[in-house]
C-alpha atoms as a PDB file:
ATOM      1  CA  MET A   1     -79.197 -82.405 139.236  1.00  0.00           C
ATOM      2  CA  GLU A   2     -78.695 -79.610 141.746  1.00  0.00           C
ATOM      3  CA  VAL A   3     -75.722 -79.928 143.985  1.00  0.00           C
ATOM      4  CA  VAL A   4     -76.557 -79.100 147.689  1.00  0.00           C
ATOM      5  CA  GLN A   5     -73.909 -77.044 149.390  1.00  0.00           C
ATOM      6  CA  ARG A   6     -72.573 -77.817 152.822  1.00  0.00           C
ATOM      7  CA  VAL A   7     -71.950 -75.378 155.816  1.00  0.00           C
ATOM      8  CA  LEU A   8     -69.825 -76.193 158.840  1.00  0.00           C
ATOM      9  CA  ILE A   9     -70.977 -74.485 162.037  1.00  0.00           C
ATOM     10  CA  VAL A  10     -68.329 -74.081 165.023  1.00  0.00           C
ATOM     11  CA  ASP A  11     -69.478 -72.885 168.389  1.00  0.00           C
ATOM     12  CA  ASP A  12     -68.901 -74.270 171.806  1.00  0.00           C
ATOM     13  CA  GLU A  13     -72.392 -73.148 172.933  1.00  0.00           C
ATOM     14  CA  VAL A  14     -75.084 -75.642 172.135  1.00  0.00           C
ATOM     15  CA  ILE A  15     -77.849 -72.954 171.800  1.00  0.00           C
ATOM     16  CA  ASN A  16     -75.913 -70.970 169.362  1.00  0.00           C
ATOM     17  CA  LEU A  17     -75.295 -74.128 167.191  1.00  0.00           C
ATOM     18  CA  LYS A  18     -79.195 -74.840 167.386  1.00  0.00           C
ATOM     19  CA  ILE A  19     -80.073 -71.306 166.315  1.00  0.00           C
ATOM     20  CA  LEU A  20     -77.565 -71.102 163.410  1.00  0.00           C
ATOM     21  CA  SER A  21     -78.229 -74.633 162.293  1.00  0.00           C
ATOM     22  CA  GLU A  22     -82.056 -73.828 161.971  1.00  0.00           C
ATOM     23  CA  LEU A  23     -81.252 -70.630 160.120  1.00  0.00           C
ATOM     24  CA  VAL A  24     -78.575 -72.186 157.609  1.00  0.00           C
ATOM     25  CA  SER A  25     -80.486 -75.447 157.039  1.00  0.00           C
ATOM     26  CA  GLU A  26     -82.821 -73.609 154.695  1.00  0.00           C
ATOM     27  CA  GLU A  27     -79.751 -72.776 152.482  1.00  0.00           C
ATOM     28  CA  ALA A  28     -77.596 -75.835 152.854  1.00  0.00           C
ATOM     29  CA  ASN A  29     -76.820 -78.994 154.574  1.00  0.00           C
ATOM     30  CA  VAL A  30     -75.247 -78.388 157.981  1.00  0.00           C
ATOM     31  CA  THR A  31     -72.522 -80.038 159.967  1.00  0.00           C
ATOM     32  CA  LEU A  32     -71.613 -79.043 163.550  1.00  0.00           C
ATOM     33  CA  ALA A  33     -68.581 -78.846 165.574  1.00  0.00           C
ATOM     34  CA  LYS A  34     -68.189 -77.720 169.336  1.00  0.00           C
ATOM     35  CA  SER A  35     -64.416 -76.932 169.158  1.00  0.00           C
ATOM     36  CA  GLY A  36     -61.640 -75.705 166.958  1.00  0.00           C
ATOM     37  CA  GLU A  37     -59.994 -79.150 167.035  1.00  0.00           C
ATOM     38  CA  GLN A  38     -63.265 -80.919 166.016  1.00  0.00           C
ATOM     39  CA  ALA A  39     -63.645 -78.279 163.334  1.00  0.00           C
ATOM     40  CA  LEU A  40     -60.350 -78.875 161.738  1.00  0.00           C
ATOM     41  CA  ARG A  41     -61.192 -82.775 161.519  1.00  0.00           C
ATOM     42  CA  LYS A  42     -64.631 -82.118 160.071  1.00  0.00           C
ATOM     43  CA  ALA A  43     -63.553 -79.415 157.677  1.00  0.00           C
ATOM     44  CA  GLN A  44     -61.082 -81.973 156.038  1.00  0.00           C
ATOM     45  CA  GLN A  45     -63.400 -84.868 156.218  1.00  0.00           C
ATOM     46  CA  TYR A  46     -66.556 -83.047 154.792  1.00  0.00           C
ATOM     47  CA  GLN A  47     -64.939 -80.351 152.611  1.00  0.00           C
ATOM     48  CA  PRO A  48     -67.723 -77.870 153.440  1.00  0.00           C
ATOM     49  CA  ASP A  49     -68.415 -74.847 151.011  1.00  0.00           C
ATOM     50  CA  LEU A  50     -68.596 -72.343 154.053  1.00  0.00           C
ATOM     51  CA  ILE A  51     -67.520 -72.303 157.691  1.00  0.00           C
ATOM     52  CA  LEU A  52     -69.300 -70.215 160.497  1.00  0.00           C
ATOM     53  CA  LEU A  53     -66.590 -70.090 163.177  1.00  0.00           C
ATOM     54  CA  ASP A  54     -67.044 -68.691 166.640  1.00  0.00           C
ATOM     55  CA  VAL A  55     -64.130 -66.498 167.610  1.00  0.00           C
ATOM     56  CA  LYS A  56     -64.032 -67.052 171.431  1.00  0.00           C
ATOM     57  CA  MET A  57     -63.821 -70.761 172.257  1.00  0.00           C
ATOM     58  CA  PRO A  58     -61.898 -72.927 174.823  1.00  0.00           C
ATOM     59  CA  GLY A  59     -58.834 -74.609 173.454  1.00  0.00           C
ATOM     60  CA  LEU A  60     -58.354 -73.505 169.868  1.00  0.00           C
ATOM     61  CA  ASP A  61     -59.952 -70.348 169.482  1.00  0.00           C
ATOM     62  CA  GLY A  62     -61.335 -68.979 166.141  1.00  0.00           C
ATOM     63  CA  PHE A  63     -58.257 -67.153 165.186  1.00  0.00           C
ATOM     64  CA  GLU A  64     -55.980 -70.165 165.886  1.00  0.00           C
ATOM     65  CA  THR A  65     -58.523 -72.392 164.074  1.00  0.00           C
ATOM     66  CA  LEU A  66     -58.539 -70.208 160.907  1.00  0.00           C
ATOM     67  CA  SER A  67     -54.773 -70.223 160.911  1.00  0.00           C
ATOM     68  CA  GLU A  68     -54.760 -73.919 160.887  1.00  0.00           C
ATOM     69  CA  LEU A  69     -57.341 -74.123 158.302  1.00  0.00           C
ATOM     70  CA  ARG A  70     -55.460 -71.740 156.024  1.00  0.00           C
ATOM     71  CA  GLN A  71     -52.163 -73.755 156.320  1.00  0.00           C
ATOM     72  CA  ASN A  72     -53.858 -77.135 155.345  1.00  0.00           C
ATOM     73  CA  PRO A  73     -54.081 -77.401 151.368  1.00  0.00           C
ATOM     74  CA  LEU A  74     -57.374 -79.424 151.790  1.00  0.00           C
ATOM     75  CA  THR A  75     -59.100 -76.608 153.624  1.00  0.00           C
ATOM     76  CA  SER A  76     -57.144 -73.404 152.724  1.00  0.00           C
ATOM     77  CA  HIS A  77     -59.732 -72.404 150.130  1.00  0.00           C
ATOM     78  CA  ILE A  78     -62.840 -72.680 152.234  1.00  0.00           C
ATOM     79  CA  PRO A  79     -64.276 -69.248 153.105  1.00  0.00           C
ATOM     80  CA  VAL A  80     -64.765 -68.624 156.812  1.00  0.00           C
ATOM     81  CA  ILE A  81     -67.366 -66.226 158.515  1.00  0.00           C
ATOM     82  CA  PHE A  82     -66.392 -65.414 162.016  1.00  0.00           C
ATOM     83  CA  ILE A  83     -69.073 -65.347 164.743  1.00  0.00           C
ATOM     84  CA  SER A  84     -68.470 -62.867 167.558  1.00  0.00           C
ATOM     85  CA  ALA A  85     -70.290 -61.516 170.598  1.00  0.00           C
ATOM     86  CA  LEU A  86     -68.038 -58.319 170.700  1.00  0.00           C
ATOM     87  CA  ALA A  87     -68.345 -55.537 168.205  1.00  0.00           C
ATOM     88  CA  ASP A  88     -64.647 -54.985 168.467  1.00  0.00           C
ATOM     89  CA  TYR A  89     -63.024 -53.273 165.393  1.00  0.00           C
ATOM     90  CA  ASN A  90     -59.639 -54.453 166.183  1.00  0.00           C
ATOM     91  CA  ASN A  91     -60.661 -57.977 166.366  1.00  0.00           C
ATOM     92  CA  GLU A  92     -62.822 -57.571 163.344  1.00  0.00           C
ATOM     93  CA  GLU A  93     -59.722 -56.204 161.380  1.00  0.00           C
ATOM     94  CA  LYS A  94     -57.544 -58.848 162.611  1.00  0.00           C
ATOM     95  CA  GLY A  95     -59.916 -61.542 161.282  1.00  0.00           C
ATOM     96  CA  LEU A  96     -60.307 -59.994 158.120  1.00  0.00           C
ATOM     97  CA  ILE A  97     -56.596 -59.541 157.714  1.00  0.00           C
ATOM     98  CA  ASN A  98     -55.864 -63.196 158.420  1.00  0.00           C
ATOM     99  CA  GLY A  99     -58.303 -64.382 155.909  1.00  0.00           C
ATOM    100  CA  ALA A 100     -61.951 -64.266 157.096  1.00  0.00           C
ATOM    101  CA  ALA A 101     -64.546 -63.739 154.577  1.00  0.00           C
ATOM    102  CA  ASP A 102     -67.077 -61.782 156.902  1.00  0.00           C
ATOM    103  CA  TYR A 103     -68.278 -61.268 160.351  1.00  0.00           C
ATOM    104  CA  ILE A 104     -71.711 -62.191 162.075  1.00  0.00           C
ATOM    105  CA  PHE A 105     -72.313 -60.486 165.457  1.00  0.00           C
ATOM    106  CA  LYS A 106     -74.366 -61.838 168.310  1.00  0.00           C
ATOM    107  CA  PRO A 107     -77.055 -61.456 169.273  1.00  0.00           C
ATOM    108  CA  PHE A 108     -77.954 -62.861 165.826  1.00  0.00           C
ATOM    109  CA  HIS A 109     -80.177 -60.931 163.507  1.00  0.00           C
ATOM    110  CA  PHE A 110     -81.724 -63.750 161.632  1.00  0.00           C
ATOM    111  CA  GLY A 111     -82.354 -61.785 158.291  1.00  0.00           C
ATOM    112  CA  ILE A 112     -78.664 -60.760 158.281  1.00  0.00           C
ATOM    113  CA  VAL A 113     -77.335 -64.197 159.156  1.00  0.00           C
ATOM    114  CA  LYS A 114     -79.363 -65.805 156.271  1.00  0.00           C
ATOM    115  CA  ALA A 115     -78.343 -62.973 153.784  1.00  0.00           C
ATOM    116  CA  ARG A 116     -74.613 -63.248 154.394  1.00  0.00           C
ATOM    117  CA  VAL A 117     -74.573 -67.136 154.329  1.00  0.00           C
ATOM    118  CA  ARG A 118     -76.678 -67.000 151.183  1.00  0.00           C
ATOM    119  CA  THR A 119     -74.231 -64.436 149.530  1.00  0.00           C
ATOM    120  CA  HIS A 120     -71.166 -66.482 150.329  1.00  0.00           C
ATOM    121  CA  LEU A 121     -72.599 -69.611 149.131  1.00  0.00           C
ATOM    122  CA  GLN A 122     -73.593 -67.968 145.803  1.00  0.00           C
ATOM    123  CA  LEU A 123     -70.146 -66.775 145.467  1.00  0.00           C
ATOM    124  CA  VAL A 124     -68.604 -70.189 146.122  1.00  0.00           C
ATOM    125  CA  GLU A 125     -71.041 -71.624 143.546  1.00  0.00           C
ATOM    126  CA  GLN A 126     -70.051 -68.963 140.949  1.00  0.00           C
ATOM    127  CA  THR A 127     -66.302 -69.526 141.709  1.00  0.00           C
ATOM    128  CA  ASN A 128     -66.609 -73.337 141.247  1.00  0.00           C
ATOM    129  CA  LYS A 129     -68.452 -72.760 137.892  1.00  0.00           C
ATOM    130  CA  LEU A 130     -65.657 -70.528 136.766  1.00  0.00           C
ATOM    131  CA  GLN A 131     -63.087 -73.045 137.828  1.00  0.00           C
ATOM    132  CA  GLN A 132     -64.902 -75.828 135.909  1.00  0.00           C
ATOM    133  CA  LEU A 133     -64.938 -73.671 132.762  1.00  0.00           C
ATOM    134  CA  ALA A 134     -61.360 -72.778 133.190  1.00  0.00           C
ATOM    135  CA  ARG A 135     -60.642 -76.660 133.037  1.00  0.00           C
ATOM    136  CA  ARG A 136     -62.900 -77.385 129.964  1.00  0.00           C
ATOM    137  CA  ASP A 137     -62.193 -77.138 126.199  1.00  0.00           C
ATOM    138  CA  TYR A 138     -64.751 -74.629 124.759  1.00  0.00           C
ATOM    139  CA  LEU A 139     -65.317 -76.500 121.665  1.00  0.00           C
ATOM    140  CA  THR A 140     -65.629 -80.161 122.711  1.00  0.00           C
ATOM    141  CA  SER A 141     -66.423 -79.659 126.272  1.00  0.00           C
ATOM    142  CA  LEU A 142     -63.529 -82.165 127.082  1.00  0.00           C
ATOM    143  CA  PRO A 143     -61.170 -81.493 129.973  1.00  0.00           C
ATOM    144  CA  ASN A 144     -58.404 -79.312 128.805  1.00  0.00           C
ATOM    145  CA  ARG A 145     -54.563 -79.556 129.227  1.00  0.00           C
ATOM    146  CA  ARG A 146     -54.865 -77.644 132.539  1.00  0.00           C
ATOM    147  CA  HIS A 147     -57.027 -80.153 133.964  1.00  0.00           C
ATOM    148  CA  TYR A 148     -54.976 -82.936 132.319  1.00  0.00           C
ATOM    149  CA  ASP A 149     -51.902 -81.654 134.105  1.00  0.00           C
ATOM    150  CA  GLU A 150     -53.670 -81.652 137.414  1.00  0.00           C
ATOM    151  CA  VAL A 151     -54.976 -85.128 137.321  1.00  0.00           C
ATOM    152  CA  LEU A 152     -51.914 -86.458 135.840  1.00  0.00           C
ATOM    153  CA  LYS A 153     -49.856 -85.259 138.888  1.00  0.00           C
ATOM    154  CA  SER A 154     -52.552 -86.701 141.155  1.00  0.00           C
ATOM    155  CA  GLU A 155     -52.651 -90.147 139.513  1.00  0.00           C
ATOM    156  CA  TRP A 156     -48.829 -90.291 139.384  1.00  0.00           C
ATOM    157  CA  LYS A 157     -48.581 -89.873 143.003  1.00  0.00           C
ATOM    158  CA  ARG A 158     -51.351 -92.470 143.617  1.00  0.00           C
ATOM    159  CA  GLY A 159     -49.582 -94.808 141.304  1.00  0.00           C
ATOM    160  CA  GLN A 160     -46.341 -94.499 143.141  1.00  0.00           C
ATOM    161  CA  GLU A 161     -48.062 -95.296 146.492  1.00  0.00           C
ATOM    162  CA  ALA A 162     -49.989 -98.278 145.095  1.00  0.00           C
ATOM    163  CA  ARG A 163     -47.357 -99.636 142.647  1.00  0.00           C
ATOM    164  CA  LYS A 164     -49.986 -99.762 140.001  1.00  0.00           C
ATOM    165  CA  PHE A 165     -49.654 -99.135 136.197  1.00  0.00           C
ATOM    166  CA  ILE A 166     -50.529 -95.839 134.330  1.00  0.00           C
ATOM    167  CA  SER A 167     -50.947 -95.890 130.641  1.00  0.00           C
ATOM    168  CA  LEU A 168     -51.175 -92.850 128.558  1.00  0.00           C
ATOM    169  CA  ALA A 169     -51.977 -92.301 124.930  1.00  0.00           C
ATOM    170  CA  VAL A 170     -51.648 -89.355 122.578  1.00  0.00           C
ATOM    171  CA  PHE A 171     -54.048 -89.260 119.607  1.00  0.00           C
ATOM    172  CA  ASP A 172     -53.655 -86.935 116.418  1.00  0.00           C
ATOM    173  CA  ILE A 173     -56.034 -86.595 113.655  1.00  0.00           C
ATOM    174  CA  ASP A 174     -53.962 -87.283 110.433  1.00  0.00           C
ATOM    175  CA  ASP A 175     -53.844 -84.443 107.798  1.00  0.00           C
ATOM    176  CA  PHE A 176     -56.141 -82.275 109.790  1.00  0.00           C
ATOM    177  CA  LYS A 177     -54.720 -78.902 108.177  1.00  0.00           C
ATOM    178  CA  LEU A 178     -55.531 -80.395 104.737  1.00  0.00           C
ATOM    179  CA  PHE A 179     -59.033 -81.274 105.918  1.00  0.00           C
ATOM    180  CA  ASN A 180     -59.538 -77.666 107.007  1.00  0.00           C
ATOM    181  CA  ASP A 181     -58.194 -76.441 103.804  1.00  0.00           C
ATOM    182  CA  LEU A 182     -60.621 -78.537 101.681  1.00  0.00           C
ATOM    183  CA  HIS A 183     -63.728 -78.353 103.990  1.00  0.00           C
ATOM    184  CA  GLY A 184     -63.233 -75.100 105.902  1.00  0.00           C
ATOM    185  CA  HIS A 185     -62.874 -74.504 109.552  1.00  0.00           C
ATOM    186  CA  ASP A 186     -66.512 -75.022 110.532  1.00  0.00           C
ATOM    187  CA  ALA A 187     -66.146 -78.555 109.108  1.00  0.00           C
ATOM    188  CA  GLY A 188     -62.875 -78.859 111.044  1.00  0.00           C
ATOM    189  CA  ASP A 189     -64.677 -77.844 114.434  1.00  0.00           C
ATOM    190  CA  GLU A 190     -67.485 -80.415 113.814  1.00  0.00           C
ATOM    191  CA  LEU A 191     -64.829 -83.235 112.982  1.00  0.00           C
ATOM    192  CA  LEU A 192     -63.160 -82.316 116.448  1.00  0.00           C
ATOM    193  CA  LYS A 193     -66.461 -82.654 118.138  1.00  0.00           C
ATOM    194  CA  LYS A 194     -67.226 -85.938 116.292  1.00  0.00           C
ATOM    195  CA  VAL A 195     -63.777 -87.410 117.187  1.00  0.00           C
ATOM    196  CA  SER A 196     -64.008 -86.265 120.970  1.00  0.00           C
ATOM    197  CA  LYS A 197     -67.293 -88.086 121.279  1.00  0.00           C
ATOM    198  CA  VAL A 198     -65.849 -91.275 119.988  1.00  0.00           C
ATOM    199  CA  LEU A 199     -62.955 -91.021 122.433  1.00  0.00           C
ATOM    200  CA  ARG A 200     -65.324 -90.523 125.425  1.00  0.00           C
ATOM    201  CA  GLU A 201     -67.428 -93.482 124.199  1.00  0.00           C
ATOM    202  CA  PHE A 202     -64.315 -95.761 124.327  1.00  0.00           C
ATOM    203  CA  PHE A 203     -62.620 -94.793 127.452  1.00  0.00           C
ATOM    204  CA  THR A 204     -65.337 -94.868 130.115  1.00  0.00           C
ATOM    205  CA  GLU A 205     -63.666 -96.830 132.982  1.00  0.00           C
ATOM    206  CA  PRO A 206     -63.245 -95.093 136.316  1.00  0.00           C
ATOM    207  CA  GLY A 207     -60.486 -92.882 136.430  1.00  0.00           C
ATOM    208  CA  HIS A 208     -60.057 -92.593 132.521  1.00  0.00           C
ATOM    209  CA  LEU A 209     -59.496 -88.976 131.497  1.00  0.00           C
ATOM    210  CA  VAL A 210     -60.017 -87.920 127.757  1.00  0.00           C
ATOM    211  CA  SER A 211     -58.753 -84.331 127.149  1.00  0.00           C
ATOM    212  CA  ARG A 212     -58.145 -82.052 124.345  1.00  0.00           C
ATOM    213  CA  PHE A 213     -54.559 -81.191 124.458  1.00  0.00           C
ATOM    214  CA  GLY A 214     -54.664 -78.549 121.751  1.00  0.00           C
ATOM    215  CA  GLY A 215     -55.414 -78.345 118.025  1.00  0.00           C
ATOM    216  CA  GLU A 216     -56.097 -81.708 116.588  1.00  0.00           C
ATOM    217  CA  GLU A 217     -54.345 -83.501 119.516  1.00  0.00           C
ATOM    218  CA  PHE A 218     -56.164 -85.543 122.317  1.00  0.00           C
ATOM    219  CA  VAL A 219     -54.505 -87.144 125.397  1.00  0.00           C
ATOM    220  CA  VAL A 220     -56.205 -90.199 127.126  1.00  0.00           C
ATOM    221  CA  LEU A 221     -55.026 -91.020 130.757  1.00  0.00           C
ATOM    222  CA  MET A 222     -55.733 -94.632 131.859  1.00  0.00           C
ATOM    223  CA  PRO A 223     -54.757 -95.243 135.522  1.00  0.00           C
ATOM    224  CA  GLY A 224     -54.531 -98.873 136.572  1.00  0.00           C
ATOM    225  CA  VAL A 225     -54.391-100.120 132.872  1.00  0.00           C
ATOM    226  CA  ASN A 226     -51.535-102.018 131.460  1.00  0.00           C
ATOM    227  CA  ARG A 227     -50.092-101.956 128.093  1.00  0.00           C
ATOM    228  CA  ALA A 228     -51.978-104.878 126.523  1.00  0.00           C
ATOM    229  CA  ASP A 229     -55.318-103.770 127.799  1.00  0.00           C
ATOM    230  CA  ALA A 230     -54.720 -99.991 126.757  1.00  0.00           C
ATOM    231  CA  LEU A 231     -53.247-101.024 123.174  1.00  0.00           C
ATOM    232  CA  GLU A 232     -56.657-103.017 122.592  1.00  0.00           C
ATOM    233  CA  GLN A 233     -58.865-100.090 123.521  1.00  0.00           C
ATOM    234  CA  ILE A 234     -56.792 -97.552 121.454  1.00  0.00           C
ATOM    235  CA  ILE A 235     -56.876 -99.984 118.123  1.00  0.00           C
ATOM    236  CA  ASP A 236     -60.685-100.346 118.515  1.00  0.00           C
ATOM    237  CA  CYS A 237     -61.026 -96.608 119.035  1.00  0.00           C
ATOM    238  CA  LEU A 238     -58.940 -95.719 115.967  1.00  0.00           C
ATOM    239  CA  THR A 239     -61.175 -98.184 113.901  1.00  0.00           C
ATOM    240  CA  ALA A 240     -64.339 -96.412 115.142  1.00  0.00           C
ATOM    241  CA  VAL A 241     -62.872 -92.974 114.210  1.00  0.00           C
ATOM    242  CA  VAL A 242     -62.416 -94.190 110.530  1.00  0.00           C
ATOM    243  CA  GLU A 243     -65.911 -95.633 110.500  1.00  0.00           C
ATOM    244  CA  ARG A 244     -67.673 -92.611 111.957  1.00  0.00           C
ATOM    245  CA  SER A 245     -65.854 -89.743 110.684  1.00  0.00           C
ATOM    246  CA  GLU A 246     -63.917 -90.556 107.447  1.00  0.00           C
ATOM    247  CA  VAL A 247     -60.656 -89.376 108.691  1.00  0.00           C
ATOM    248  CA  THR A 248     -57.842 -91.468 110.216  1.00  0.00           C
ATOM    249  CA  MET A 249     -55.925 -90.989 113.623  1.00  0.00           C
ATOM    250  CA  SER A 250     -52.593 -91.944 114.736  1.00  0.00           C
ATOM    251  CA  ALA A 251     -51.625 -92.718 118.334  1.00  0.00           C
ATOM    252  CA  GLY A 252     -48.659 -93.102 120.384  1.00  0.00           C
ATOM    253  CA  GLY A 253     -48.769 -94.793 123.886  1.00  0.00           C
ATOM    254  CA  ALA A 254     -46.589 -95.516 126.930  1.00  0.00           C
ATOM    255  CA  SER A 255     -47.026 -97.532 130.225  1.00  0.00           C
ATOM    256  CA  CYS A 256     -45.221 -97.448 133.405  1.00  0.00           C
ATOM    257  CA  VAL A 257     -45.267 -98.023 137.147  1.00  0.00           C
ATOM    258  CA  PRO A 258     -44.581 -94.640 138.605  1.00  0.00           C
ATOM    259  CA  ASP A 259     -41.476 -94.535 140.794  1.00  0.00           C
ATOM    260  CA  THR A 260     -39.172 -91.746 142.152  1.00  0.00           C
ATOM    261  CA  ARG A 261     -36.694 -92.156 139.305  1.00  0.00           C
ATOM    262  CA  SER A 262     -38.952 -90.575 136.778  1.00  0.00           C
ATOM    263  CA  SER A 263     -41.569 -87.691 136.721  1.00  0.00           C
ATOM    264  CA  ASP A 264     -45.141 -87.594 135.194  1.00  0.00           C
ATOM    265  CA  SER A 265     -43.842 -85.593 132.348  1.00  0.00           C
ATOM    266  CA  THR A 266     -41.725 -88.606 131.382  1.00  0.00           C
ATOM    267  CA  LEU A 267     -44.804 -90.619 130.489  1.00  0.00           C
ATOM    268  CA  PHE A 268     -46.157 -88.010 128.146  1.00  0.00           C
ATOM    269  CA  HIS A 269     -42.855 -87.463 126.254  1.00  0.00           C
ATOM    270  CA  LEU A 270     -42.423 -91.060 125.681  1.00  0.00           C
ATOM    271  CA  ALA A 271     -45.982 -91.340 124.388  1.00  0.00           C
ATOM    272  CA  ASP A 272     -45.418 -88.264 122.234  1.00  0.00           C
ATOM    273  CA  LYS A 273     -42.399 -89.733 120.827  1.00  0.00           C
ATOM    274  CA  ALA A 274     -44.235 -92.837 119.878  1.00  0.00           C
ATOM    275  CA  LEU A 275     -46.794 -90.765 118.150  1.00  0.00           C
ATOM    276  CA  TYR A 276     -44.117 -89.124 115.923  1.00  0.00           C
ATOM    277  CA  SER A 277     -43.061 -92.672 115.059  1.00  0.00           C
ATOM    278  CA  ALA A 278     -46.624 -93.552 114.217  1.00  0.00           C
ATOM    279  CA  LYS A 279     -46.766 -90.556 111.770  1.00  0.00           C
ATOM    280  CA  ALA A 280     -43.545 -91.658 110.241  1.00  0.00           C
ATOM    281  CA  GLN A 281     -44.637 -95.267 109.731  1.00  0.00           C
ATOM    282  CA  GLY A 282     -47.625 -93.844 107.388  1.00  0.00           C
ATOM    283  CA  LYS A 283     -50.286 -92.817 109.926  1.00  0.00           C
ATOM    284  CA  ASN A 284     -53.526 -94.563 110.858  1.00  0.00           C
ATOM    285  CA  CYS A 285     -51.780 -96.762 113.289  1.00  0.00           C
ATOM    286  CA  VAL A 286     -50.565 -96.903 117.016  1.00  0.00           C
ATOM    287  CA  VAL A 287     -46.976 -97.160 118.239  1.00  0.00           C
ATOM    288  CA  TRP A 288     -46.057 -98.089 121.849  1.00  0.00           C
ATOM    289  CA  ALA A 289     -42.981 -96.808 123.607  1.00  0.00           C
ATOM    290  CA  ASP A 290     -40.533 -99.452 124.820  1.00  0.00           C
END
C-alpha cells in the first residue's frame, strides 16, 4: 500500500494558501496554517513530511517559526521550504544557514513550485526507506538491535508513566555453531529465517517487538505483559521451534514495572543472566529472573 505524504503550508494570506494548496495537492495531502503559532501546533500534531513556510508573517515570522521547529525533537527533522516575496540574498542565506531546505519566491512559478516540492518529498521518502533498512536485520527482516534499543527506551519511559509491567525474553538457538559445522552456513541462515518466522507468529500482540540481537540470539519485548503470561507464550514458542526446525532453543526472561531506581538496560541484563542459567541447566528450557 502506497503511503501518501503530507505537506503543511503556512502563510497569513488566504490567496497564497489557496494557490499553493492547489499545486501541492497533486503531490501530497495538504494541511494549512495561517500563522507561525498555528504551524507549530499542526507540525507537532500531524508530523508532515514537508513544510512550506512564509518568511514574513505577523506574530512569529518564518525565521522564528523555523527556530522553534528545530528546537522541538518532534519537528526538528521536518524539511522546511521558505516562501518569500523578496529575492533578498541576505535573507535567503540566513534561512539556509538556519536550516531551511530551499526557497520558493513570489510570484509563484507553478512549474518550479511543483518540481521543488516533488524533489523534497522524494528525498524524504528515500531517507525514510534508508532509515527503515538501517533498523532491519538483512537476513531475517526482523528489527535489529538498533531498533530494539530505541523501542525499549520508549517503552520503558511509557511503563514508568503508566506503572505497567514490561517483560523481556532473550532466546538463543542451542548448539548453533555445531549445526553450522554439520550442515553449512547456508543451512544455518535458513534455520535463522525459520526460527524468526516462528517467533513472529507467537508474539503478535500490539506493542510486541521481536528482534534479532545478533548471531543466533533473538530478543522479544512485551510491554504490558506480566511474568505468568509471558512465560506461557515463551514455553509454547520453544515447543513450536522444536517441532518445526528440529533444533532446540533456550530462553531467559525478566519482568518488572519500570521505576526511576533502575534503567532499561537492567531488564535485559536480568533476562540475559537467566538465559545463561537455562544453558547451564541443560538447554531447551526457559529460566525466569527473580
